[in-house]
PDB file of all heavy atoms in Angstrom:
ATOM      1  N   ALA A   1     105.828  67.162  93.704  1.00  0.00           N
ATOM      2  CA  ALA A   1     106.817  67.524  94.718  1.00  0.00           C
ATOM      3  C   ALA A   1     107.706  68.669  94.230  1.00  0.00           C
ATOM      4  O   ALA A   1     107.989  69.617  94.978  1.00  0.00           O
ATOM      5  CB  ALA A   1     107.667  66.308  95.078  1.00  0.00           C
ATOM      6  N   LEU A   2     108.144  68.592  92.976  1.00  0.00           N
ATOM      7  CA  LEU A   2     109.021  69.635  92.438  1.00  0.00           C
ATOM      8  C   LEU A   2     108.298  70.973  92.339  1.00  0.00           C
ATOM      9  O   LEU A   2     108.871  72.026  92.651  1.00  0.00           O
ATOM     10  CB  LEU A   2     109.546  69.209  91.070  1.00  0.00           C
ATOM     11  CG  LEU A   2     110.673  68.177  91.073  1.00  0.00           C
ATOM     12  CD1 LEU A   2     111.009  67.757  89.656  1.00  0.00           C
ATOM     13  CD2 LEU A   2     111.900  68.704  91.781  1.00  0.00           C
ATOM     14  N   GLU A   3     107.052  70.933  91.901  1.00  0.00           N
ATOM     15  CA  GLU A   3     106.293  72.179  91.794  1.00  0.00           C
ATOM     16  C   GLU A   3     106.107  72.824  93.160  1.00  0.00           C
ATOM     17  O   GLU A   3     106.146  74.049  93.291  1.00  0.00           O
ATOM     18  CB  GLU A   3     104.944  71.904  91.132  1.00  0.00           C
ATOM     19  CG  GLU A   3     105.063  71.621  89.635  1.00  0.00           C
ATOM     20  CD  GLU A   3     103.713  71.360  88.992  1.00  0.00           C
ATOM     21  OE1 GLU A   3     102.706  71.894  89.489  1.00  0.00           O
ATOM     22  OE2 GLU A   3     103.659  70.621  87.998  1.00  0.00           O
ATOM     23  N   GLN A   4     105.929  71.992  94.190  1.00  0.00           N
ATOM     24  CA  GLN A   4     105.789  72.536  95.538  1.00  0.00           C
ATOM     25  C   GLN A   4     107.115  73.089  96.044  1.00  0.00           C
ATOM     26  O   GLN A   4     107.149  74.153  96.663  1.00  0.00           O
ATOM     27  CB  GLN A   4     105.259  71.460  96.481  1.00  0.00           C
ATOM     28  CG  GLN A   4     103.800  71.109  96.237  1.00  0.00           C
ATOM     29  CD  GLN A   4     103.294  70.071  97.216  1.00  0.00           C
ATOM     30  OE1 GLN A   4     103.982  69.102  97.532  1.00  0.00           O
ATOM     31  NE2 GLN A   4     102.085  70.265  97.713  1.00  0.00           N
ATOM     32  N   LEU A   5     108.206  72.363  95.792  1.00  0.00           N
ATOM     33  CA  LEU A   5     109.514  72.856  96.230  1.00  0.00           C
ATOM     34  C   LEU A   5     109.851  74.180  95.561  1.00  0.00           C
ATOM     35  O   LEU A   5     110.438  75.075  96.176  1.00  0.00           O
ATOM     36  CB  LEU A   5     110.604  71.826  95.908  1.00  0.00           C
ATOM     37  CG  LEU A   5     110.630  70.550  96.748  1.00  0.00           C
ATOM     38  CD1 LEU A   5     111.716  69.623  96.235  1.00  0.00           C
ATOM     39  CD2 LEU A   5     110.859  70.863  98.222  1.00  0.00           C
ATOM     40  N   LEU A   6     109.473  74.304  94.311  1.00  0.00           N
ATOM     41  CA  LEU A   6     109.769  75.521  93.568  1.00  0.00           C
ATOM     42  C   LEU A   6     108.836  76.663  93.962  1.00  0.00           C
ATOM     43  O   LEU A   6     109.280  77.768  94.287  1.00  0.00           O
ATOM     44  CB  LEU A   6     109.644  75.261  92.064  1.00  0.00           C
ATOM     45  CG  LEU A   6     110.032  76.407  91.138  1.00  0.00           C
ATOM     46  CD1 LEU A   6     111.533  76.633  91.174  1.00  0.00           C
ATOM     47  CD2 LEU A   6     109.585  76.114  89.711  1.00  0.00           C
ATOM     48  N   GLY A   7     107.534  76.390  93.948  1.00  0.00           N
ATOM     49  CA  GLY A   7     106.560  77.452  94.147  1.00  0.00           C
ATOM     50  C   GLY A   7     106.219  77.762  95.584  1.00  0.00           C
ATOM     51  O   GLY A   7     105.762  78.865  95.897  1.00  0.00           O
ATOM     52  N   ASP A   8     106.419  76.788  96.492  1.00  0.00           N
ATOM     53  CA  ASP A   8     106.055  76.990  97.897  1.00  0.00           C
ATOM     54  C   ASP A   8     107.247  77.321  98.776  1.00  0.00           C
ATOM     55  O   ASP A   8     107.162  77.241 100.007  1.00  0.00           O
ATOM     56  CB  ASP A   8     105.343  75.743  98.449  1.00  0.00           C
ATOM     57  CG  ASP A   8     103.998  75.501  97.780  1.00  0.00           C
ATOM     58  OD1 ASP A   8     103.495  76.431  97.134  1.00  0.00           O
ATOM     59  OD2 ASP A   8     103.458  74.381  97.900  1.00  0.00           O
ATOM     60  N   THR A   9     108.363  77.652  98.156  1.00  0.00           N
ATOM     61  CA  THR A   9     109.548  78.076  98.911  1.00  0.00           C
ATOM     62  C   THR A   9     109.627  79.598  98.912  1.00  0.00           C
ATOM     63  O   THR A   9     109.463  80.233  97.866  1.00  0.00           O
ATOM     64  CB  THR A   9     110.834  77.490  98.303  1.00  0.00           C
ATOM     65  OG1 THR A   9     110.790  76.061  98.393  1.00  0.00           O
ATOM     66  CG2 THR A   9     112.075  77.995  99.031  1.00  0.00           C
ATOM     67  N   ASN A  10     109.864  80.165 100.044  1.00  0.00           N
ATOM     68  CA  ASN A  10     109.979  81.619 100.165  1.00  0.00           C
ATOM     69  C   ASN A  10     111.393  82.040  99.759  1.00  0.00           C
ATOM     70  O   ASN A  10     112.260  82.263 100.609  1.00  0.00           O
ATOM     71  CB  ASN A  10     109.679  82.048 101.612  1.00  0.00           C
ATOM     72  CG  ASN A  10     109.747  83.553 101.788  1.00  0.00           C
ATOM     73  OD1 ASN A  10     109.618  84.316 100.831  1.00  0.00           O
ATOM     74  ND2 ASN A  10     109.971  83.988 103.011  1.00  0.00           N
ATOM     75  N   TRP A  11     111.607  82.151  98.463  1.00  0.00           N
ATOM     76  CA  TRP A  11     112.933  82.447  97.947  1.00  0.00           C
ATOM     77  C   TRP A  11     113.378  83.877  98.236  1.00  0.00           C
ATOM     78  O   TRP A  11     114.577  84.173  98.215  1.00  0.00           O
ATOM     79  CB  TRP A  11     112.980  82.224  96.431  1.00  0.00           C
ATOM     80  CG  TRP A  11     112.792  80.798  96.016  1.00  0.00           C
ATOM     81  CD1 TRP A  11     111.682  80.253  95.431  1.00  0.00           C
ATOM     82  CD2 TRP A  11     113.735  79.726  96.156  1.00  0.00           C
ATOM     83  NE1 TRP A  11     111.870  78.916  95.192  1.00  0.00           N
ATOM     84  CE2 TRP A  11     113.134  78.562  95.620  1.00  0.00           C
ATOM     85  CE3 TRP A  11     115.034  79.630  96.673  1.00  0.00           C
ATOM     86  CZ2 TRP A  11     113.771  77.328  95.590  1.00  0.00           C
ATOM     87  CZ3 TRP A  11     115.670  78.404  96.650  1.00  0.00           C
ATOM     88  CH2 TRP A  11     115.049  77.279  96.123  1.00  0.00           C
ATOM     89  N   GLY A  12     112.431  84.768  98.494  1.00  0.00           N
ATOM     90  CA  GLY A  12     112.798  86.169  98.664  1.00  0.00           C
ATOM     91  C   GLY A  12     113.121  86.801  97.325  1.00  0.00           C
ATOM     92  O   GLY A  12     112.577  86.428  96.289  1.00  0.00           O
ATOM     93  N   GLU A  13     114.027  87.770  97.324  1.00  0.00           N
ATOM     94  CA  GLU A  13     114.437  88.447  96.094  1.00  0.00           C
ATOM     95  C   GLU A  13     115.751  87.838  95.598  1.00  0.00           C
ATOM     96  O   GLU A  13     116.772  87.917  96.278  1.00  0.00           O
ATOM     97  CB  GLU A  13     114.623  89.943  96.345  1.00  0.00           C
ATOM     98  CG  GLU A  13     113.352  90.660  96.764  1.00  0.00           C
ATOM     99  CD  GLU A  13     112.324  90.714  95.650  1.00  0.00           C
ATOM    100  OE1 GLU A  13     112.733  90.843  94.462  1.00  0.00           O
ATOM    101  OE2 GLU A  13     111.119  90.625  95.946  1.00  0.00           O
ATOM    102  N   LEU A  14     115.698  87.215  94.427  1.00  0.00           N
ATOM    103  CA  LEU A  14     116.880  86.570  93.867  1.00  0.00           C
ATOM    104  C   LEU A  14     117.199  87.125  92.483  1.00  0.00           C
ATOM    105  O   LEU A  14     116.302  87.375  91.683  1.00  0.00           O
ATOM    106  CB  LEU A  14     116.668  85.052  93.737  1.00  0.00           C
ATOM    107  CG  LEU A  14     116.484  84.235  95.007  1.00  0.00           C
ATOM    108  CD1 LEU A  14     116.299  82.756  94.643  1.00  0.00           C
ATOM    109  CD2 LEU A  14     117.662  84.395  95.957  1.00  0.00           C
ATOM    110  N   ASP A  15     118.483  87.308  92.230  1.00  0.00           N
ATOM    111  CA  ASP A  15     118.920  87.647  90.876  1.00  0.00           C
ATOM    112  C   ASP A  15     118.963  86.396  90.004  1.00  0.00           C
ATOM    113  O   ASP A  15     118.624  86.442  88.816  1.00  0.00           O
ATOM    114  CB  ASP A  15     120.301  88.295  90.909  1.00  0.00           C
ATOM    115  CG  ASP A  15     120.310  89.612  91.667  1.00  0.00           C
ATOM    116  OD1 ASP A  15     119.422  90.448  91.407  1.00  0.00           O
ATOM    117  OD2 ASP A  15     121.197  89.809  92.524  1.00  0.00           O
ATOM    118  N   TYR A  16     119.387  85.282  90.606  1.00  0.00           N
ATOM    119  CA  TYR A  16     119.493  84.025  89.883  1.00  0.00           C
ATOM    120  C   TYR A  16     119.045  82.870  90.776  1.00  0.00           C
ATOM    121  O   TYR A  16     119.389  82.822  91.963  1.00  0.00           O
ATOM    122  CB  TYR A  16     120.943  83.746  89.451  1.00  0.00           C
ATOM    123  CG  TYR A  16     121.589  84.847  88.649  1.00  0.00           C
ATOM    124  CD1 TYR A  16     122.455  85.747  89.260  1.00  0.00           C
ATOM    125  CD2 TYR A  16     121.357  84.976  87.283  1.00  0.00           C
ATOM    126  CE1 TYR A  16     123.058  86.765  88.539  1.00  0.00           C
ATOM    127  CE2 TYR A  16     121.956  85.985  86.550  1.00  0.00           C
ATOM    128  CZ  TYR A  16     122.804  86.878  87.183  1.00  0.00           C
ATOM    129  OH  TYR A  16     123.398  87.878  86.470  1.00  0.00           O
ATOM    130  N   LEU A  17     118.286  81.952  90.191  1.00  0.00           N
ATOM    131  CA  LEU A  17     117.965  80.687  90.844  1.00  0.00           C
ATOM    132  C   LEU A  17     118.537  79.582  89.965  1.00  0.00           C
ATOM    133  O   LEU A  17     118.129  79.420  88.805  1.00  0.00           O
ATOM    134  CB  LEU A  17     116.461  80.506  91.006  1.00  0.00           C
ATOM    135  CG  LEU A  17     116.002  79.147  91.571  1.00  0.00           C
ATOM    136  CD1 LEU A  17     116.566  78.927  92.970  1.00  0.00           C
ATOM    137  CD2 LEU A  17     114.483  79.039  91.579  1.00  0.00           C
ATOM    138  N   VAL A  18     119.492  78.828  90.493  1.00  0.00           N
ATOM    139  CA  VAL A  18     120.113  77.733  89.761  1.00  0.00           C
ATOM    140  C   VAL A  18     119.330  76.462  90.072  1.00  0.00           C
ATOM    141  O   VAL A  18     119.150  76.110  91.243  1.00  0.00           O
ATOM    142  CB  VAL A  18     121.596  77.567  90.160  1.00  0.00           C
ATOM    143  CG1 VAL A  18     122.207  76.356  89.461  1.00  0.00           C
ATOM    144  CG2 VAL A  18     122.381  78.833  89.815  1.00  0.00           C
ATOM    145  N   VAL A  19     118.850  75.787  89.030  1.00  0.00           N
ATOM    146  CA  VAL A  19     118.083  74.551  89.202  1.00  0.00           C
ATOM    147  C   VAL A  19     118.934  73.380  88.729  1.00  0.00           C
ATOM    148  O   VAL A  19     119.277  73.293  87.545  1.00  0.00           O
ATOM    149  CB  VAL A  19     116.758  74.594  88.426  1.00  0.00           C
ATOM    150  CG1 VAL A  19     115.985  73.286  88.623  1.00  0.00           C
ATOM    151  CG2 VAL A  19     115.906  75.779  88.875  1.00  0.00           C
ATOM    152  N   ASP A  20     119.285  72.508  89.673  1.00  0.00           N
ATOM    153  CA  ASP A  20     120.066  71.314  89.349  1.00  0.00           C
ATOM    154  C   ASP A  20     119.089  70.228  88.901  1.00  0.00           C
ATOM    155  O   ASP A  20     118.454  69.570  89.721  1.00  0.00           O
ATOM    156  CB  ASP A  20     120.862  70.875  90.584  1.00  0.00           C
ATOM    157  CG  ASP A  20     121.687  69.628  90.327  1.00  0.00           C
ATOM    158  OD1 ASP A  20     122.030  69.400  89.159  1.00  0.00           O
ATOM    159  OD2 ASP A  20     121.977  68.889  91.289  1.00  0.00           O
ATOM    160  N   LEU A  21     118.961  70.048  87.588  1.00  0.00           N
ATOM    161  CA  LEU A  21     118.008  69.085  87.041  1.00  0.00           C
ATOM    162  C   LEU A  21     118.516  67.656  87.191  1.00  0.00           C
ATOM    163  O   LEU A  21     119.725  67.419  87.235  1.00  0.00           O
ATOM    164  CB  LEU A  21     117.772  69.369  85.561  1.00  0.00           C
ATOM    165  CG  LEU A  21     117.012  70.643  85.184  1.00  0.00           C
ATOM    166  CD1 LEU A  21     116.913  70.739  83.669  1.00  0.00           C
ATOM    167  CD2 LEU A  21     115.635  70.657  85.802  1.00  0.00           C
ATOM    168  N   PRO A  22     117.607  66.687  87.242  1.00  0.00           N
ATOM    169  CA  PRO A  22     118.052  65.288  87.206  1.00  0.00           C
ATOM    170  C   PRO A  22     118.683  64.990  85.862  1.00  0.00           C
ATOM    171  O   PRO A  22     118.359  65.644  84.854  1.00  0.00           O
ATOM    172  CB  PRO A  22     116.758  64.498  87.418  1.00  0.00           C
ATOM    173  CG  PRO A  22     115.662  65.433  87.031  1.00  0.00           C
ATOM    174  CD  PRO A  22     116.150  66.809  87.345  1.00  0.00           C
ATOM    175  N   PRO A  23     119.577  64.002  85.778  1.00  0.00           N
ATOM    176  CA  PRO A  23     120.205  63.683  84.495  1.00  0.00           C
ATOM    177  C   PRO A  23     119.206  63.059  83.527  1.00  0.00           C
ATOM    178  O   PRO A  23     118.192  62.478  83.931  1.00  0.00           O
ATOM    179  CB  PRO A  23     121.298  62.686  84.877  1.00  0.00           C
ATOM    180  CG  PRO A  23     120.822  62.071  86.158  1.00  0.00           C
ATOM    181  CD  PRO A  23     120.079  63.150  86.876  1.00  0.00           C
ATOM    182  N   GLY A  24     119.499  63.187  82.239  1.00  0.00           N
ATOM    183  CA  GLY A  24     118.655  62.559  81.235  1.00  0.00           C
ATOM    184  C   GLY A  24     117.705  63.529  80.559  1.00  0.00           C
ATOM    185  O   GLY A  24     117.726  64.741  80.810  1.00  0.00           O
ATOM    186  N   THR A  25     116.825  62.962  79.719  1.00  0.00           N
ATOM    187  CA  THR A  25     115.865  63.771  78.964  1.00  0.00           C
ATOM    188  C   THR A  25     114.484  63.122  79.010  1.00  0.00           C
ATOM    189  O   THR A  25     113.768  63.086  78.008  1.00  0.00           O
ATOM    190  CB  THR A  25     116.316  63.930  77.496  1.00  0.00           C
ATOM    191  OG1 THR A  25     116.511  62.617  76.932  1.00  0.00           O
ATOM    192  CG2 THR A  25     117.599  64.709  77.402  1.00  0.00           C
ATOM    193  N   GLY A  26     114.111  62.612  80.180  1.00  0.00           N
ATOM    194  CA  GLY A  26     112.833  61.930  80.314  1.00  0.00           C
ATOM    195  C   GLY A  26     111.685  62.869  80.617  1.00  0.00           C
ATOM    196  O   GLY A  26     111.767  64.087  80.447  1.00  0.00           O
ATOM    197  N   ASP A  27     110.596  62.270  81.115  1.00  0.00           N
ATOM    198  CA  ASP A  27     109.371  63.024  81.357  1.00  0.00           C
ATOM    199  C   ASP A  27     109.579  64.127  82.392  1.00  0.00           C
ATOM    200  O   ASP A  27     109.059  65.235  82.247  1.00  0.00           O
ATOM    201  CB  ASP A  27     108.271  62.062  81.832  1.00  0.00           C
ATOM    202  CG  ASP A  27     106.958  62.784  82.094  1.00  0.00           C
ATOM    203  OD1 ASP A  27     106.370  63.303  81.136  1.00  0.00           O
ATOM    204  OD2 ASP A  27     106.545  62.844  83.269  1.00  0.00           O
ATOM    205  N   THR A  28     110.342  63.828  83.445  1.00  0.00           N
ATOM    206  CA  THR A  28     110.560  64.824  84.503  1.00  0.00           C
ATOM    207  C   THR A  28     111.264  66.054  83.949  1.00  0.00           C
ATOM    208  O   THR A  28     110.850  67.192  84.186  1.00  0.00           O
ATOM    209  CB  THR A  28     111.396  64.223  85.648  1.00  0.00           C
ATOM    210  OG1 THR A  28     110.706  63.083  86.175  1.00  0.00           O
ATOM    211  CG2 THR A  28     111.609  65.240  86.749  1.00  0.00           C
ATOM    212  N   GLN A  29     112.339  65.833  83.193  1.00  0.00           N
ATOM    213  CA  GLN A  29     113.087  66.949  82.635  1.00  0.00           C
ATOM    214  C   GLN A  29     112.233  67.746  81.634  1.00  0.00           C
ATOM    215  O   GLN A  29     112.260  68.978  81.626  1.00  0.00           O
ATOM    216  CB  GLN A  29     114.351  66.440  81.925  1.00  0.00           C
ATOM    217  CG  GLN A  29     115.368  65.820  82.849  1.00  0.00           C
ATOM    218  CD  GLN A  29     115.080  64.355  83.130  1.00  0.00           C
ATOM    219  OE1 GLN A  29     114.019  63.837  82.815  1.00  0.00           O
ATOM    220  NE2 GLN A  29     116.046  63.679  83.732  1.00  0.00           N
ATOM    221  N   LEU A  30     111.467  67.036  80.821  1.00  0.00           N
ATOM    222  CA  LEU A  30     110.648  67.704  79.825  1.00  0.00           C
ATOM    223  C   LEU A  30     109.564  68.550  80.489  1.00  0.00           C
ATOM    224  O   LEU A  30     109.344  69.708  80.113  1.00  0.00           O
ATOM    225  CB  LEU A  30     110.003  66.680  78.892  1.00  0.00           C
ATOM    226  CG  LEU A  30     109.094  67.230  77.789  1.00  0.00           C
ATOM    227  CD1 LEU A  30     109.890  68.152  76.879  1.00  0.00           C
ATOM    228  CD2 LEU A  30     108.476  66.097  76.985  1.00  0.00           C
ATOM    229  N   THR A  31     108.901  67.990  81.500  1.00  0.00           N
ATOM    230  CA  THR A  31     107.838  68.734  82.175  1.00  0.00           C
ATOM    231  C   THR A  31     108.399  69.950  82.896  1.00  0.00           C
ATOM    232  O   THR A  31     107.807  71.035  82.870  1.00  0.00           O
ATOM    233  CB  THR A  31     107.103  67.820  83.175  1.00  0.00           C
ATOM    234  OG1 THR A  31     106.639  66.655  82.496  1.00  0.00           O
ATOM    235  CG2 THR A  31     105.911  68.542  83.797  1.00  0.00           C
ATOM    236  N   LEU A  32     109.549  69.776  83.532  1.00  0.00           N
ATOM    237  CA  LEU A  32     110.182  70.911  84.204  1.00  0.00           C
ATOM    238  C   LEU A  32     110.504  72.022  83.213  1.00  0.00           C
ATOM    239  O   LEU A  32     110.267  73.195  83.491  1.00  0.00           O
ATOM    240  CB  LEU A  32     111.467  70.451  84.898  1.00  0.00           C
ATOM    241  CG  LEU A  32     111.337  69.917  86.317  1.00  0.00           C
ATOM    242  CD1 LEU A  32     112.654  69.303  86.763  1.00  0.00           C
ATOM    243  CD2 LEU A  32     110.928  71.018  87.270  1.00  0.00           C
ATOM    244  N   SER A  33     111.039  71.634  82.069  1.00  0.00           N
ATOM    245  CA  SER A  33     111.432  72.646  81.088  1.00  0.00           C
ATOM    246  C   SER A  33     110.222  73.340  80.463  1.00  0.00           C
ATOM    247  O   SER A  33     110.350  74.405  79.869  1.00  0.00           O
ATOM    248  CB  SER A  33     112.293  72.011  79.989  1.00  0.00           C
ATOM    249  OG  SER A  33     111.562  71.038  79.279  1.00  0.00           O
ATOM    250  N   GLN A  34     109.039  72.737  80.599  1.00  0.00           N
ATOM    251  CA  GLN A  34     107.826  73.351  80.073  1.00  0.00           C
ATOM    252  C   GLN A  34     107.097  74.197  81.114  1.00  0.00           C
ATOM    253  O   GLN A  34     106.359  75.113  80.766  1.00  0.00           O
ATOM    254  CB  GLN A  34     106.879  72.274  79.545  1.00  0.00           C
ATOM    255  CG  GLN A  34     107.383  71.575  78.293  1.00  0.00           C
ATOM    256  CD  GLN A  34     106.507  70.411  77.885  1.00  0.00           C
ATOM    257  OE1 GLN A  34     105.928  69.719  78.722  1.00  0.00           O
ATOM    258  NE2 GLN A  34     106.402  70.181  76.587  1.00  0.00           N
ATOM    259  N   LYS A  35     107.288  73.898  82.399  1.00  0.00           N
ATOM    260  CA  LYS A  35     106.536  74.578  83.446  1.00  0.00           C
ATOM    261  C   LYS A  35     107.353  75.580  84.255  1.00  0.00           C
ATOM    262  O   LYS A  35     106.814  76.531  84.809  1.00  0.00           O
ATOM    263  CB  LYS A  35     105.918  73.544  84.401  1.00  0.00           C
ATOM    264  CG  LYS A  35     104.809  72.722  83.775  1.00  0.00           C
ATOM    265  CD  LYS A  35     104.094  71.879  84.819  1.00  0.00           C
ATOM    266  CE  LYS A  35     102.902  71.161  84.225  1.00  0.00           C
ATOM    267  NZ  LYS A  35     102.157  70.372  85.236  1.00  0.00           N
ATOM    268  N   VAL A  36     108.651  75.347  84.355  1.00  0.00           N
ATOM    269  CA  VAL A  36     109.511  76.243  85.133  1.00  0.00           C
ATOM    270  C   VAL A  36     109.986  77.373  84.228  1.00  0.00           C
ATOM    271  O   VAL A  36     110.447  77.125  83.107  1.00  0.00           O
ATOM    272  CB  VAL A  36     110.712  75.484  85.714  1.00  0.00           C
ATOM    273  CG1 VAL A  36     111.621  76.422  86.486  1.00  0.00           C
ATOM    274  CG2 VAL A  36     110.242  74.353  86.622  1.00  0.00           C
ATOM    275  N   PRO A  37     109.884  78.638  84.667  1.00  0.00           N
ATOM    276  CA  PRO A  37     110.305  79.766  83.820  1.00  0.00           C
ATOM    277  C   PRO A  37     111.824  79.831  83.711  1.00  0.00           C
ATOM    278  O   PRO A  37     112.496  80.394  84.571  1.00  0.00           O
ATOM    279  CB  PRO A  37     109.738  80.983  84.557  1.00  0.00           C
ATOM    280  CG  PRO A  37     109.685  80.560  85.994  1.00  0.00           C
ATOM    281  CD  PRO A  37     109.355  79.094  85.975  1.00  0.00           C
ATOM    282  N   LEU A  38     112.367  79.247  82.662  1.00  0.00           N
ATOM    283  CA  LEU A  38     113.815  79.147  82.508  1.00  0.00           C
ATOM    284  C   LEU A  38     114.362  80.254  81.617  1.00  0.00           C
ATOM    285  O   LEU A  38     113.927  80.427  80.484  1.00  0.00           O
ATOM    286  CB  LEU A  38     114.191  77.782  81.913  1.00  0.00           C
ATOM    287  CG  LEU A  38     113.779  76.554  82.743  1.00  0.00           C
ATOM    288  CD1 LEU A  38     114.119  75.282  81.983  1.00  0.00           C
ATOM    289  CD2 LEU A  38     114.449  76.566  84.106  1.00  0.00           C
ATOM    290  N   THR A  39     115.340  80.983  82.138  1.00  0.00           N
ATOM    291  CA  THR A  39     116.024  82.000  81.347  1.00  0.00           C
ATOM    292  C   THR A  39     116.964  81.348  80.343  1.00  0.00           C
ATOM    293  O   THR A  39     117.165  81.856  79.245  1.00  0.00           O
ATOM    294  CB  THR A  39     116.817  82.946  82.262  1.00  0.00           C
ATOM    295  OG1 THR A  39     115.968  83.411  83.312  1.00  0.00           O
ATOM    296  CG2 THR A  39     117.354  84.134  81.490  1.00  0.00           C
ATOM    297  N   GLY A  40     117.546  80.235  80.740  1.00  0.00           N
ATOM    298  CA  GLY A  40     118.462  79.536  79.858  1.00  0.00           C
ATOM    299  C   GLY A  40     118.982  78.278  80.502  1.00  0.00           C
ATOM    300  O   GLY A  40     118.785  78.042  81.706  1.00  0.00           O
ATOM    301  N   SER A  41     119.669  77.463  79.718  1.00  0.00           N
ATOM    302  CA  SER A  41     120.199  76.191  80.208  1.00  0.00           C
ATOM    303  C   SER A  41     121.710  76.138  80.067  1.00  0.00           C
ATOM    304  O   SER A  41     122.285  76.711  79.135  1.00  0.00           O
ATOM    305  CB  SER A  41     119.575  75.023  79.447  1.00  0.00           C
ATOM    306  OG  SER A  41     119.937  75.075  78.076  1.00  0.00           O
ATOM    307  N   VAL A  42     122.330  75.445  81.011  1.00  0.00           N
ATOM    308  CA  VAL A  42     123.759  75.159  80.953  1.00  0.00           C
ATOM    309  C   VAL A  42     123.903  73.642  80.872  1.00  0.00           C
ATOM    310  O   VAL A  42     123.387  72.918  81.724  1.00  0.00           O
ATOM    311  CB  VAL A  42     124.489  75.684  82.202  1.00  0.00           C
ATOM    312  CG1 VAL A  42     125.940  75.198  82.224  1.00  0.00           C
ATOM    313  CG2 VAL A  42     124.442  77.206  82.248  1.00  0.00           C
TER     314      VAL A  42
END
């Protein structure tokens, strides 16, 4: 579902995309951090 929301959304031209991650450090967060092109984390 997350990959579809990220990749199948017509974001247009963006300078920044802020991703509100779920809390914690489980499988979802780890997989996202490995597959989503992250410039950095806050």
